Amino acid sequence: MTFILILAYLDPFSVRVWFSYFSLIISFVFSVSTFCTLVFYFIKKISLRGYVWVEHVLASFRQGFFVALYGIGVVFFYIIGAPMLVSGFLLAILVLFLEGFIQNISYRD
């Protein structure tokens, strides 16, 4: 909803071009991360047979946020004209390593 409102009320050809692009990116990240959080949460709930704790919800939110950032990164690489296959693969590896690093820190006692 916010994404559509921003598209309707912010003119990207006005003086505040950076503000409209920043608002579009932020609304896209929030909408995609929210959707992916729900999807990942239900996948975990099904795979863990209903035994879901707060840590699973937070991990789902973090993974949804990383998926949204990956989407923004791929679009950015497309805009600057980088080779899509190599850039997308390297960005996916970076996101997976970042997720593994954060999981390793969060499960530490």
PDB file of N, CA and C in Angstrom:
ATOM      1  N   MET A   1       0.814  -1.183   0.000  1.00  0.00           N
ATOM      2  CA  MET A   1       0.000   0.000   0.000  1.00  0.00           C
ATOM      3  C   MET A   1       0.868   1.262   0.000  1.00  0.00           C
ATOM      4  N   THR A   2       1.892   1.244   0.857  1.00  0.00           N
ATOM      5  CA  THR A   2       2.781   2.399   0.926  1.00  0.00           C
ATOM      6  C   THR A   2       3.523   2.594  -0.388  1.00  0.00           C
ATOM      7  N   PHE A   3       3.909   1.481  -1.000  1.00  0.00           N
ATOM      8  CA  PHE A   3       4.614   1.554  -2.278  1.00  0.00           C
ATOM      9  C   PHE A   3       3.746   2.232  -3.338  1.00  0.00           C
ATOM     10  N   ILE A   4       2.475   1.906  -3.382  1.00  0.00           N
ATOM     11  CA  ILE A   4       1.565   2.512  -4.362  1.00  0.00           C
ATOM     12  C   ILE A   4       1.330   3.984  -4.046  1.00  0.00           C
ATOM     13  N   LEU A   5       1.196   4.329  -2.764  1.00  0.00           N
ATOM     14  CA  LEU A   5       1.033   5.736  -2.393  1.00  0.00           C
ATOM     15  C   LEU A   5       2.257   6.565  -2.768  1.00  0.00           C
ATOM     16  N   ILE A   6       3.425   6.013  -2.570  1.00  0.00           N
ATOM     17  CA  ILE A   6       4.640   6.744  -2.932  1.00  0.00           C
ATOM     18  C   ILE A   6       4.716   6.917  -4.444  1.00  0.00           C
ATOM     19  N   LEU A   7       4.329   5.880  -5.180  1.00  0.00           N
ATOM     20  CA  LEU A   7       4.318   6.010  -6.641  1.00  0.00           C
ATOM     21  C   LEU A   7       3.335   7.084  -7.096  1.00  0.00           C
ATOM     22  N   ALA A   8       2.222   7.205  -6.397  1.00  0.00           N
ATOM     23  CA  ALA A   8       1.200   8.157  -6.811  1.00  0.00           C
ATOM     24  C   ALA A   8       1.547   9.591  -6.427  1.00  0.00           C
ATOM     25  N   TYR A   9       2.168   9.803  -5.259  1.00  0.00           N
ATOM     26  CA  TYR A   9       2.341  11.161  -4.759  1.00  0.00           C
ATOM     27  C   TYR A   9       3.738  11.746  -4.896  1.00  0.00           C
ATOM     28  N   LEU A  10       4.746  10.928  -5.126  1.00  0.00           N
ATOM     29  CA  LEU A  10       6.099  11.466  -5.288  1.00  0.00           C
ATOM     30  C   LEU A  10       6.487  11.425  -6.752  1.00  0.00           C
ATOM     31  N   ASP A  11       6.856  12.547  -7.277  1.00  0.00           N
ATOM     32  CA  ASP A  11       7.260  12.647  -8.665  1.00  0.00           C
ATOM     33  C   ASP A  11       8.768  12.461  -8.755  1.00  0.00           C
ATOM     34  N   PRO A  12       9.238  11.390  -9.399  1.00  0.00           N
ATOM     35  CA  PRO A  12      10.689  11.181  -9.471  1.00  0.00           C
ATOM     36  C   PRO A  12      11.405  12.187 -10.370  1.00  0.00           C
ATOM     37  N   PHE A  13      10.665  12.997 -11.104  1.00  0.00           N
ATOM     38  CA  PHE A  13      11.287  13.979 -11.984  1.00  0.00           C
ATOM     39  C   PHE A  13      11.292  15.374 -11.378  1.00  0.00           C
ATOM     40  N   SER A  14      11.004  15.464 -10.082  1.00  0.00           N
ATOM     41  CA  SER A  14      11.034  16.762  -9.418  1.00  0.00           C
ATOM     42  C   SER A  14      12.442  17.033  -8.889  1.00  0.00           C
ATOM     43  N   VAL A  15      12.561  18.050  -8.078  1.00  0.00           N
ATOM     44  CA  VAL A  15      13.862  18.423  -7.526  1.00  0.00           C
ATOM     45  C   VAL A  15      14.354  17.383  -6.522  1.00  0.00           C
ATOM     46  N   ARG A  16      13.431  16.756  -5.800  1.00  0.00           N
ATOM     47  CA  ARG A  16      13.798  15.782  -4.769  1.00  0.00           C
ATOM     48  C   ARG A  16      13.838  14.368  -5.327  1.00  0.00           C
ATOM     49  N   VAL A  17      14.668  14.137  -6.310  1.00  0.00           N
ATOM     50  CA  VAL A  17      14.748  12.814  -6.922  1.00  0.00           C
ATOM     51  C   VAL A  17      15.301  11.794  -5.930  1.00  0.00           C
ATOM     52  N   TRP A  18      16.301  12.172  -5.182  1.00  0.00           N
ATOM     53  CA  TRP A  18      16.904  11.236  -4.233  1.00  0.00           C
ATOM     54  C   TRP A  18      15.911  10.819  -3.160  1.00  0.00           C
ATOM     55  N   PHE A  19      15.040  11.741  -2.734  1.00  0.00           N
ATOM     56  CA  PHE A  19      14.059  11.414  -1.708  1.00  0.00           C
ATOM     57  C   PHE A  19      13.031  10.419  -2.232  1.00  0.00           C
ATOM     58  N   SER A  20      12.595  10.605  -3.454  1.00  0.00           N
ATOM     59  CA  SER A  20      11.596   9.684  -4.005  1.00  0.00           C
ATOM     60  C   SER A  20      12.194   8.296  -4.223  1.00  0.00           C
ATOM     61  N   TYR A  21      13.430   8.225  -4.713  1.00  0.00           N
ATOM     62  CA  TYR A  21      14.073   6.919  -4.887  1.00  0.00           C
ATOM     63  C   TYR A  21      14.326   6.243  -3.547  1.00  0.00           C
ATOM     64  N   PHE A  22      14.775   7.012  -2.561  1.00  0.00           N
ATOM     65  CA  PHE A  22      15.005   6.453  -1.234  1.00  0.00           C
ATOM     66  C   PHE A  22      13.698   5.938  -0.633  1.00  0.00           C
ATOM     67  N   SER A  23      12.613   6.677  -0.783  1.00  0.00           N
ATOM     68  CA  SER A  23      11.315   6.245  -0.265  1.00  0.00           C
ATOM     69  C   SER A  23      10.827   4.985  -0.969  1.00  0.00           C
ATOM     70  N   LEU A  24      11.036   4.904  -2.262  1.00  0.00           N
ATOM     71  CA  LEU A  24      10.643   3.702  -2.988  1.00  0.00           C
ATOM     72  C   LEU A  24      11.438   2.492  -2.531  1.00  0.00           C
ATOM     73  N   ILE A  25      12.728   2.665  -2.331  1.00  0.00           N
ATOM     74  CA  ILE A  25      13.560   1.542  -1.907  1.00  0.00           C
ATOM     75  C   ILE A  25      13.172   1.081  -0.505  1.00  0.00           C
ATOM     76  N   ILE A  26      12.964   2.024   0.401  1.00  0.00           N
ATOM     77  CA  ILE A  26      12.584   1.663   1.773  1.00  0.00           C
ATOM     78  C   ILE A  26      11.235   0.964   1.805  1.00  0.00           C
ATOM     79  N   SER A  27      10.263   1.461   1.063  1.00  0.00           N
ATOM     80  CA  SER A  27       8.943   0.817   1.057  1.00  0.00           C
ATOM     81  C   SER A  27       9.016  -0.562   0.413  1.00  0.00           C
ATOM     82  N   PHE A  28       9.848  -0.719  -0.618  1.00  0.00           N
ATOM     83  CA  PHE A  28      10.022  -2.033  -1.246  1.00  0.00           C
ATOM     84  C   PHE A  28      10.652  -3.017  -0.269  1.00  0.00           C
ATOM     85  N   VAL A  29      11.687  -2.581   0.444  1.00  0.00           N
ATOM     86  CA  VAL A  29      12.357  -3.463   1.407  1.00  0.00           C
ATOM     87  C   VAL A  29      11.393  -3.886   2.507  1.00  0.00           C
ATOM     88  N   PHE A  30      10.612  -2.956   3.033  1.00  0.00           N
ATOM     89  CA  PHE A  30       9.665  -3.311   4.090  1.00  0.00           C
ATOM     90  C   PHE A  30       8.577  -4.253   3.595  1.00  0.00           C
ATOM     91  N   SER A  31       8.055  -4.012   2.412  1.00  0.00           N
ATOM     92  CA  SER A  31       6.976  -4.873   1.919  1.00  0.00           C
ATOM     93  C   SER A  31       7.487  -6.272   1.585  1.00  0.00           C
ATOM     94  N   VAL A  32       8.635  -6.367   0.937  1.00  0.00           N
ATOM     95  CA  VAL A  32       9.164  -7.688   0.591  1.00  0.00           C
ATOM     96  C   VAL A  32       9.624  -8.433   1.836  1.00  0.00           C
ATOM     97  N   SER A  33      10.263  -7.734   2.762  1.00  0.00           N
ATOM     98  CA  SER A  33      10.723  -8.418   3.973  1.00  0.00           C
ATOM     99  C   SER A  33       9.553  -8.901   4.819  1.00  0.00           C
ATOM    100  N   THR A  34       8.469  -8.153   4.855  1.00  0.00           N
ATOM    101  CA  THR A  34       7.296  -8.597   5.600  1.00  0.00           C
ATOM    102  C   THR A  34       6.678  -9.835   4.965  1.00  0.00           C
ATOM    103  N   PHE A  35       6.553  -9.821   3.657  1.00  0.00           N
ATOM    104  CA  PHE A  35       5.990 -10.982   2.961  1.00  0.00           C
ATOM    105  C   PHE A  35       6.877 -12.207   3.142  1.00  0.00           C
ATOM    106  N   CYS A  36       8.185 -12.035   2.971  1.00  0.00           N
ATOM    107  CA  CYS A  36       9.101 -13.163   3.122  1.00  0.00           C
ATOM    108  C   CYS A  36       9.155 -13.648   4.568  1.00  0.00           C
ATOM    109  N   THR A  37       9.000 -12.753   5.521  1.00  0.00           N
ATOM    110  CA  THR A  37       8.970 -13.159   6.925  1.00  0.00           C
ATOM    111  C   THR A  37       7.800 -14.099   7.184  1.00  0.00           C
ATOM    112  N   LEU A  38       6.644 -13.763   6.662  1.00  0.00           N
ATOM    113  CA  LEU A  38       5.474 -14.638   6.842  1.00  0.00           C
ATOM    114  C   LEU A  38       5.678 -15.980   6.154  1.00  0.00           C
ATOM    115  N   VAL A  39       6.225 -15.961   4.955  1.00  0.00           N
ATOM    116  CA  VAL A  39       6.452 -17.216   4.220  1.00  0.00           C
ATOM    117  C   VAL A  39       7.455 -18.085   4.964  1.00  0.00           C
ATOM    118  N   PHE A  40       8.590 -17.513   5.392  1.00  0.00           N
ATOM    119  CA  PHE A  40       9.600 -18.287   6.103  1.00  0.00           C
ATOM    120  C   PHE A  40       9.078 -18.779   7.451  1.00  0.00           C
ATOM    121  N   TYR A  41       8.262 -17.974   8.126  1.00  0.00           N
ATOM    122  CA  TYR A  41       7.695 -18.393   9.398  1.00  0.00           C
ATOM    123  C   TYR A  41       6.789 -19.608   9.216  1.00  0.00           C
ATOM    124  N   PHE A  42       5.924 -19.593   8.213  1.00  0.00           N
ATOM    125  CA  PHE A  42       5.033 -20.727   8.004  1.00  0.00           C
ATOM    126  C   PHE A  42       5.793 -21.961   7.543  1.00  0.00           C
ATOM    127  N   ILE A  43       6.867 -21.772   6.785  1.00  0.00           N
ATOM    128  CA  ILE A  43       7.691 -22.925   6.411  1.00  0.00           C
ATOM    129  C   ILE A  43       8.339 -23.535   7.645  1.00  0.00           C
ATOM    130  N   LYS A  44       8.845 -22.688   8.544  1.00  0.00           N
ATOM    131  CA  LYS A  44       9.442 -23.207   9.781  1.00  0.00           C
ATOM    132  C   LYS A  44       8.393 -23.847  10.682  1.00  0.00           C
ATOM    133  N   LYS A  45       7.204 -23.271  10.719  1.00  0.00           N
ATOM    134  CA  LYS A  45       6.144 -23.836  11.559  1.00  0.00           C
ATOM    135  C   LYS A  45       5.733 -25.215  11.051  1.00  0.00           C
ATOM    136  N   ILE A  46       5.681 -25.380   9.743  1.00  0.00           N
ATOM    137  CA  ILE A  46       5.331 -26.679   9.177  1.00  0.00           C
ATOM    138  C   ILE A  46       6.466 -27.673   9.388  1.00  0.00           C
ATOM    139  N   SER A  47       7.705 -27.237   9.138  1.00  0.00           N
ATOM    140  CA  SER A  47       8.826 -28.178   9.244  1.00  0.00           C
ATOM    141  C   SER A  47       9.141 -28.544  10.695  1.00  0.00           C
ATOM    142  N   LEU A  48       8.879 -27.647  11.641  1.00  0.00           N
ATOM    143  CA  LEU A  48       9.138 -27.948  13.055  1.00  0.00           C
ATOM    144  C   LEU A  48       7.903 -28.473  13.778  1.00  0.00           C
ATOM    145  N   ARG A  49       6.833 -28.748  13.052  1.00  0.00           N
ATOM    146  CA  ARG A  49       5.583 -29.311  13.561  1.00  0.00           C
ATOM    147  C   ARG A  49       4.956 -28.469  14.679  1.00  0.00           C
ATOM    148  N   GLY A  50       5.012 -27.148  14.510  1.00  0.00           N
ATOM    149  CA  GLY A  50       4.328 -26.248  15.432  1.00  0.00           C
ATOM    150  C   GLY A  50       5.150 -25.763  16.607  1.00  0.00           C
ATOM    151  N   TYR A  51       6.342 -26.309  16.792  1.00  0.00           N
ATOM    152  CA  TYR A  51       7.192 -25.869  17.908  1.00  0.00           C
ATOM    153  C   TYR A  51       8.027 -24.676  17.464  1.00  0.00           C
ATOM    154  N   VAL A  52       7.436 -23.488  17.529  1.00  0.00           N
ATOM    155  CA  VAL A  52       8.100 -22.279  17.053  1.00  0.00           C
ATOM    156  C   VAL A  52       8.244 -21.317  18.224  1.00  0.00           C
ATOM    157  N   TRP A  53       9.459 -20.776  18.367  1.00  0.00           N
ATOM    158  CA  TRP A  53       9.743 -19.824  19.428  1.00  0.00           C
ATOM    159  C   TRP A  53      10.035 -18.458  18.834  1.00  0.00           C
ATOM    160  N   VAL A  54      10.285 -17.498  19.696  1.00  0.00           N
ATOM    161  CA  VAL A  54      10.551 -16.130  19.261  1.00  0.00           C
ATOM    162  C   VAL A  54      11.806 -16.073  18.395  1.00  0.00           C
ATOM    163  N   GLU A  55      12.789 -16.911  18.690  1.00  0.00           N
ATOM    164  CA  GLU A  55      14.014 -16.925  17.893  1.00  0.00           C
ATOM    165  C   GLU A  55      13.730 -17.287  16.438  1.00  0.00           C
ATOM    166  N   HIS A  56      12.761 -18.162  16.225  1.00  0.00           N
ATOM    167  CA  HIS A  56      12.405 -18.529  14.853  1.00  0.00           C
ATOM    168  C   HIS A  56      11.749 -17.368  14.116  1.00  0.00           C
ATOM    169  N   VAL A  57      10.935 -16.613  14.823  1.00  0.00           N
ATOM    170  CA  VAL A  57      10.287 -15.455  14.200  1.00  0.00           C
ATOM    171  C   VAL A  57      11.323 -14.397  13.854  1.00  0.00           C
ATOM    172  N   LEU A  58      12.262 -14.154  14.766  1.00  0.00           N
ATOM    173  CA  LEU A  58      13.318 -13.171  14.492  1.00  0.00           C
ATOM    174  C   LEU A  58      14.222 -13.622  13.350  1.00  0.00           C
ATOM    175  N   ALA A  59      14.520 -14.910  13.302  1.00  0.00           N
ATOM    176  CA  ALA A  59      15.331 -15.427  12.197  1.00  0.00           C
ATOM    177  C   ALA A  59      14.574 -15.300  10.875  1.00  0.00           C
ATOM    178  N   SER A  60      13.275 -15.528  10.900  1.00  0.00           N
ATOM    179  CA  SER A  60      12.479 -15.370   9.675  1.00  0.00           C
ATOM    180  C   SER A  60      12.473 -13.923   9.212  1.00  0.00           C
ATOM    181  N   PHE A  61      12.363 -12.991  10.151  1.00  0.00           N
ATOM    182  CA  PHE A  61      12.403 -11.578   9.785  1.00  0.00           C
ATOM    183  C   PHE A  61      13.757 -11.207   9.194  1.00  0.00           C
ATOM    184  N   ARG A  62      14.830 -11.683   9.812  1.00  0.00           N
ATOM    185  CA  ARG A  62      16.171 -11.393   9.311  1.00  0.00           C
ATOM    186  C   ARG A  62      16.370 -11.977   7.908  1.00  0.00           C
ATOM    187  N   GLN A  63      15.918 -13.192   7.678  1.00  0.00           N
ATOM    188  CA  GLN A  63      16.062 -13.809   6.369  1.00  0.00           C
ATOM    189  C   GLN A  63      15.209 -13.105   5.319  1.00  0.00           C
ATOM    190  N   GLY A  64      14.024 -12.661   5.699  1.00  0.00           N
ATOM    191  CA  GLY A  64      13.197 -11.890   4.777  1.00  0.00           C
ATOM    192  C   GLY A  64      13.835 -10.560   4.420  1.00  0.00           C
ATOM    193  N   PHE A  65      14.465  -9.924   5.409  1.00  0.00           N
ATOM    194  CA  PHE A  65      15.172  -8.674   5.162  1.00  0.00           C
ATOM    195  C   PHE A  65      16.352  -8.892   4.218  1.00  0.00           C
ATOM    196  N   PHE A  66      17.070  -9.999   4.381  1.00  0.00           N
ATOM    197  CA  PHE A  66      18.183 -10.299   3.484  1.00  0.00           C
ATOM    198  C   PHE A  66      17.702 -10.581   2.061  1.00  0.00           C
ATOM    199  N   VAL A  67      16.557 -11.232   1.924  1.00  0.00           N
ATOM    200  CA  VAL A  67      16.000 -11.468   0.587  1.00  0.00           C
ATOM    201  C   VAL A  67      15.646 -10.140  -0.084  1.00  0.00           C
ATOM    202  N   ALA A  68      15.079  -9.225   0.691  1.00  0.00           N
ATOM    203  CA  ALA A  68      14.750  -7.903   0.137  1.00  0.00           C
ATOM    204  C   ALA A  68      16.016  -7.140  -0.255  1.00  0.00           C
ATOM    205  N   LEU A  69      17.043  -7.192   0.579  1.00  0.00           N
ATOM    206  CA  LEU A  69      18.304  -6.531   0.229  1.00  0.00           C
ATOM    207  C   LEU A  69      18.959  -7.176  -0.989  1.00  0.00           C
ATOM    208  N   TYR A  70      18.822  -8.490  -1.123  1.00  0.00           N
ATOM    209  CA  TYR A  70      19.339  -9.162  -2.313  1.00  0.00           C
ATOM    210  C   TYR A  70      18.613  -8.667  -3.566  1.00  0.00           C
ATOM    211  N   GLY A  71      17.299  -8.500  -3.477  1.00  0.00           N
ATOM    212  CA  GLY A  71      16.535  -7.982  -4.616  1.00  0.00           C
ATOM    213  C   GLY A  71      16.959  -6.575  -4.992  1.00  0.00           C
ATOM    214  N   ILE A  72      17.167  -5.716  -3.995  1.00  0.00           N
ATOM    215  CA  ILE A  72      17.642  -4.349  -4.252  1.00  0.00           C
ATOM    216  C   ILE A  72      19.038  -4.388  -4.876  1.00  0.00           C
ATOM    217  N   GLY A  73      19.892  -5.278  -4.378  1.00  0.00           N
ATOM    218  CA  GLY A  73      21.249  -5.391  -4.925  1.00  0.00           C
ATOM    219  C   GLY A  73      21.251  -5.837  -6.376  1.00  0.00           C
ATOM    220  N   VAL A  74      20.402  -6.791  -6.716  1.00  0.00           N
ATOM    221  CA  VAL A  74      20.325  -7.255  -8.100  1.00  0.00           C
ATOM    222  C   VAL A  74      19.828  -6.138  -9.017  1.00  0.00           C
ATOM    223  N   VAL A  75      18.830  -5.396  -8.561  1.00  0.00           N
ATOM    224  CA  VAL A  75      18.335  -4.262  -9.359  1.00  0.00           C
ATOM    225  C   VAL A  75      19.426  -3.205  -9.520  1.00  0.00           C
ATOM    226  N   PHE A  76      20.187  -2.943  -8.463  1.00  0.00           N
ATOM    227  CA  PHE A  76      21.281  -1.974  -8.535  1.00  0.00           C
ATOM    228  C   PHE A  76      22.344  -2.427  -9.525  1.00  0.00           C
ATOM    229  N   PHE A  77      22.707  -3.711  -9.488  1.00  0.00           N
ATOM    230  CA  PHE A  77      23.695  -4.220 -10.446  1.00  0.00           C
ATOM    231  C   PHE A  77      23.183  -4.134 -11.879  1.00  0.00           C
ATOM    232  N   TYR A  78      21.886  -4.341 -12.060  1.00  0.00           N
ATOM    233  CA  TYR A  78      21.308  -4.217 -13.397  1.00  0.00           C
ATOM    234  C   TYR A  78      21.373  -2.772 -13.890  1.00  0.00           C
ATOM    235  N   ILE A  79      21.107  -1.821 -12.983  1.00  0.00           N
ATOM    236  CA  ILE A  79      21.124  -0.403 -13.366  1.00  0.00           C
ATOM    237  C   ILE A  79      22.523   0.052 -13.761  1.00  0.00           C
ATOM    238  N   ILE A  80      23.541  -0.389 -13.010  1.00  0.00           N
ATOM    239  CA  ILE A  80      24.897   0.055 -13.336  1.00  0.00           C
ATOM    240  C   ILE A  80      25.517  -0.746 -14.466  1.00  0.00           C
ATOM    241  N   GLY A  81      24.882  -1.784 -14.920  1.00  0.00           N
ATOM    242  CA  GLY A  81      25.353  -2.532 -16.080  1.00  0.00           C
ATOM    243  C   GLY A  81      26.379  -3.604 -15.761  1.00  0.00           C
ATOM    244  N   ALA A  82      26.382  -4.103 -14.548  1.00  0.00           N
ATOM    245  CA  ALA A  82      27.311  -5.171 -14.175  1.00  0.00           C
ATOM    246  C   ALA A  82      26.823  -6.493 -14.762  1.00  0.00           C
ATOM    247  N   PRO A  83      27.731  -7.445 -14.989  1.00  0.00           N
ATOM    248  CA  PRO A  83      27.296  -8.768 -15.463  1.00  0.00           C
ATOM    249  C   PRO A  83      26.378  -9.428 -14.445  1.00  0.00           C
ATOM    250  N   MET A  84      25.172  -9.730 -14.862  1.00  0.00           N
ATOM    251  CA  MET A  84      24.136 -10.138 -13.911  1.00  0.00           C
ATOM    252  C   MET A  84      24.399 -11.503 -13.283  1.00  0.00           C
ATOM    253  N   LEU A  85      24.860 -12.461 -14.054  1.00  0.00           N
ATOM    254  CA  LEU A  85      25.034 -13.804 -13.519  1.00  0.00           C
ATOM    255  C   LEU A  85      26.113 -13.834 -12.441  1.00  0.00           C
ATOM    256  N   VAL A  86      27.239 -13.225 -12.730  1.00  0.00           N
ATOM    257  CA  VAL A  86      28.348 -13.220 -11.772  1.00  0.00           C
ATOM    258  C   VAL A  86      28.004 -12.355 -10.564  1.00  0.00           C
ATOM    259  N   SER A  87      27.460 -11.173 -10.792  1.00  0.00           N
ATOM    260  CA  SER A  87      27.141 -10.267  -9.692  1.00  0.00           C
ATOM    261  C   SER A  87      26.057 -10.846  -8.795  1.00  0.00           C
ATOM    262  N   GLY A  88      25.022 -11.407  -9.386  1.00  0.00           N
ATOM    263  CA  GLY A  88      23.954 -12.007  -8.594  1.00  0.00           C
ATOM    264  C   GLY A  88      24.439 -13.194  -7.783  1.00  0.00           C
ATOM    265  N   PHE A  89      25.305 -14.008  -8.387  1.00  0.00           N
ATOM    266  CA  PHE A  89      25.850 -15.159  -7.668  1.00  0.00           C
ATOM    267  C   PHE A  89      26.738 -14.715  -6.509  1.00  0.00           C
ATOM    268  N   LEU A  90      27.602 -13.736  -6.741  1.00  0.00           N
ATOM    269  CA  LEU A  90      28.477 -13.248  -5.672  1.00  0.00           C
ATOM    270  C   LEU A  90      27.679 -12.571  -4.557  1.00  0.00           C
ATOM    271  N   LEU A  91      26.624 -11.857  -4.923  1.00  0.00           N
ATOM    272  CA  LEU A  91      25.771 -11.233  -3.908  1.00  0.00           C
ATOM    273  C   LEU A  91      25.041 -12.295  -3.092  1.00  0.00           C
ATOM    274  N   ALA A  92      24.594 -13.369  -3.744  1.00  0.00           N
ATOM    275  CA  ALA A  92      23.931 -14.463  -3.017  1.00  0.00           C
ATOM    276  C   ALA A  92      24.901 -15.133  -2.052  1.00  0.00           C
ATOM    277  N   ILE A  93      26.138 -15.354  -2.481  1.00  0.00           N
ATOM    278  CA  ILE A  93      27.150 -15.943  -1.596  1.00  0.00           C
ATOM    279  C   ILE A  93      27.420 -15.021  -0.410  1.00  0.00           C
ATOM    280  N   LEU A  94      27.505 -13.709  -0.671  1.00  0.00           N
ATOM    281  CA  LEU A  94      27.727 -12.745   0.405  1.00  0.00           C
ATOM    282  C   LEU A  94      26.587 -12.758   1.419  1.00  0.00           C
ATOM    283  N   VAL A  95      25.360 -12.809   0.930  1.00  0.00           N
ATOM    284  CA  VAL A  95      24.199 -12.832   1.831  1.00  0.00           C
ATOM    285  C   VAL A  95      24.172 -14.137   2.630  1.00  0.00           C
ATOM    286  N   LEU A  96      24.505 -15.260   1.987  1.00  0.00           N
ATOM    287  CA  LEU A  96      24.538 -16.531   2.722  1.00  0.00           C
ATOM    288  C   LEU A  96      25.619 -16.540   3.801  1.00  0.00           C
ATOM    289  N   PHE A  97      26.796 -15.995   3.484  1.00  0.00           N
ATOM    290  CA  PHE A  97      27.850 -15.917   4.499  1.00  0.00           C
ATOM    291  C   PHE A  97      27.446 -14.982   5.640  1.00  0.00           C
ATOM    292  N   LEU A  98      26.806 -13.882   5.318  1.00  0.00           N
ATOM    293  CA  LEU A  98      26.353 -12.959   6.351  1.00  0.00           C
ATOM    294  C   LEU A  98      25.310 -13.613   7.248  1.00  0.00           C
ATOM    295  N   GLU A  99      24.386 -14.350   6.657  1.00  0.00           N
ATOM    296  CA  GLU A  99      23.365 -15.056   7.447  1.00  0.00           C
ATOM    297  C   GLU A  99      24.009 -16.127   8.323  1.00  0.00           C
ATOM    298  N   GLY A 100      24.960 -16.867   7.772  1.00  0.00           N
ATOM    299  CA  GLY A 100      25.661 -17.869   8.575  1.00  0.00           C
ATOM    300  C   GLY A 100      26.442 -17.254   9.720  1.00  0.00           C
ATOM    301  N   PHE A 101      27.075 -16.126   9.479  1.00  0.00           N
ATOM    302  CA  PHE A 101      27.817 -15.429  10.524  1.00  0.00           C
ATOM    303  C   PHE A 101      26.888 -14.969  11.643  1.00  0.00           C
ATOM    304  N   ILE A 102      25.757 -14.395  11.273  1.00  0.00           N
ATOM    305  CA  ILE A 102      24.808 -13.915  12.288  1.00  0.00           C
ATOM    306  C   ILE A 102      24.191 -15.087  13.041  1.00  0.00           C
ATOM    307  N   GLN A 103      23.907 -16.190  12.361  1.00  0.00           N
ATOM    308  CA  GLN A 103      23.372 -17.368  13.053  1.00  0.00           C
ATOM    309  C   GLN A 103      24.397 -17.936  14.025  1.00  0.00           C
ATOM    310  N   ASN A 104      25.656 -17.927  13.623  1.00  0.00           N
ATOM    311  CA  ASN A 104      26.701 -18.442  14.498  1.00  0.00           C
ATOM    312  C   ASN A 104      26.825 -17.570  15.750  1.00  0.00           C
ATOM    313  N   ILE A 105      26.708 -16.266  15.605  1.00  0.00           N
ATOM    314  CA  ILE A 105      26.791 -15.377  16.763  1.00  0.00           C
ATOM    315  C   ILE A 105      25.563 -15.534  17.653  1.00  0.00           C
ATOM    316  N   SER A 106      24.387 -15.697  17.058  1.00  0.00           N
ATOM    317  CA  SER A 106      23.162 -15.749  17.870  1.00  0.00           C
ATOM    318  C   SER A 106      23.027 -17.069  18.620  1.00  0.00           C
ATOM    319  N   TYR A 107      23.618 -18.164  18.138  1.00  0.00           N
ATOM    320  CA  TYR A 107      23.518 -19.442  18.827  1.00  0.00           C
ATOM    321  C   TYR A 107      24.658 -19.679  19.810  1.00  0.00           C
ATOM    322  N   ARG A 108      25.532 -18.712  19.932  1.00  0.00           N
ATOM    323  CA  ARG A 108      26.634 -18.810  20.871  1.00  0.00           C
ATOM    324  C   ARG A 108      26.144 -18.550  22.290  1.00  0.00           C
ATOM    325  N   ASP A 109      26.696 -19.244  23.221  1.00  0.00           N
ATOM    326  CA  ASP A 109      26.302 -19.036  24.632  1.00  0.00           C
ATOM    327  C   ASP A 109      27.296 -18.210  25.365  1.00  0.00           C
TER     328      ASP A 109
END
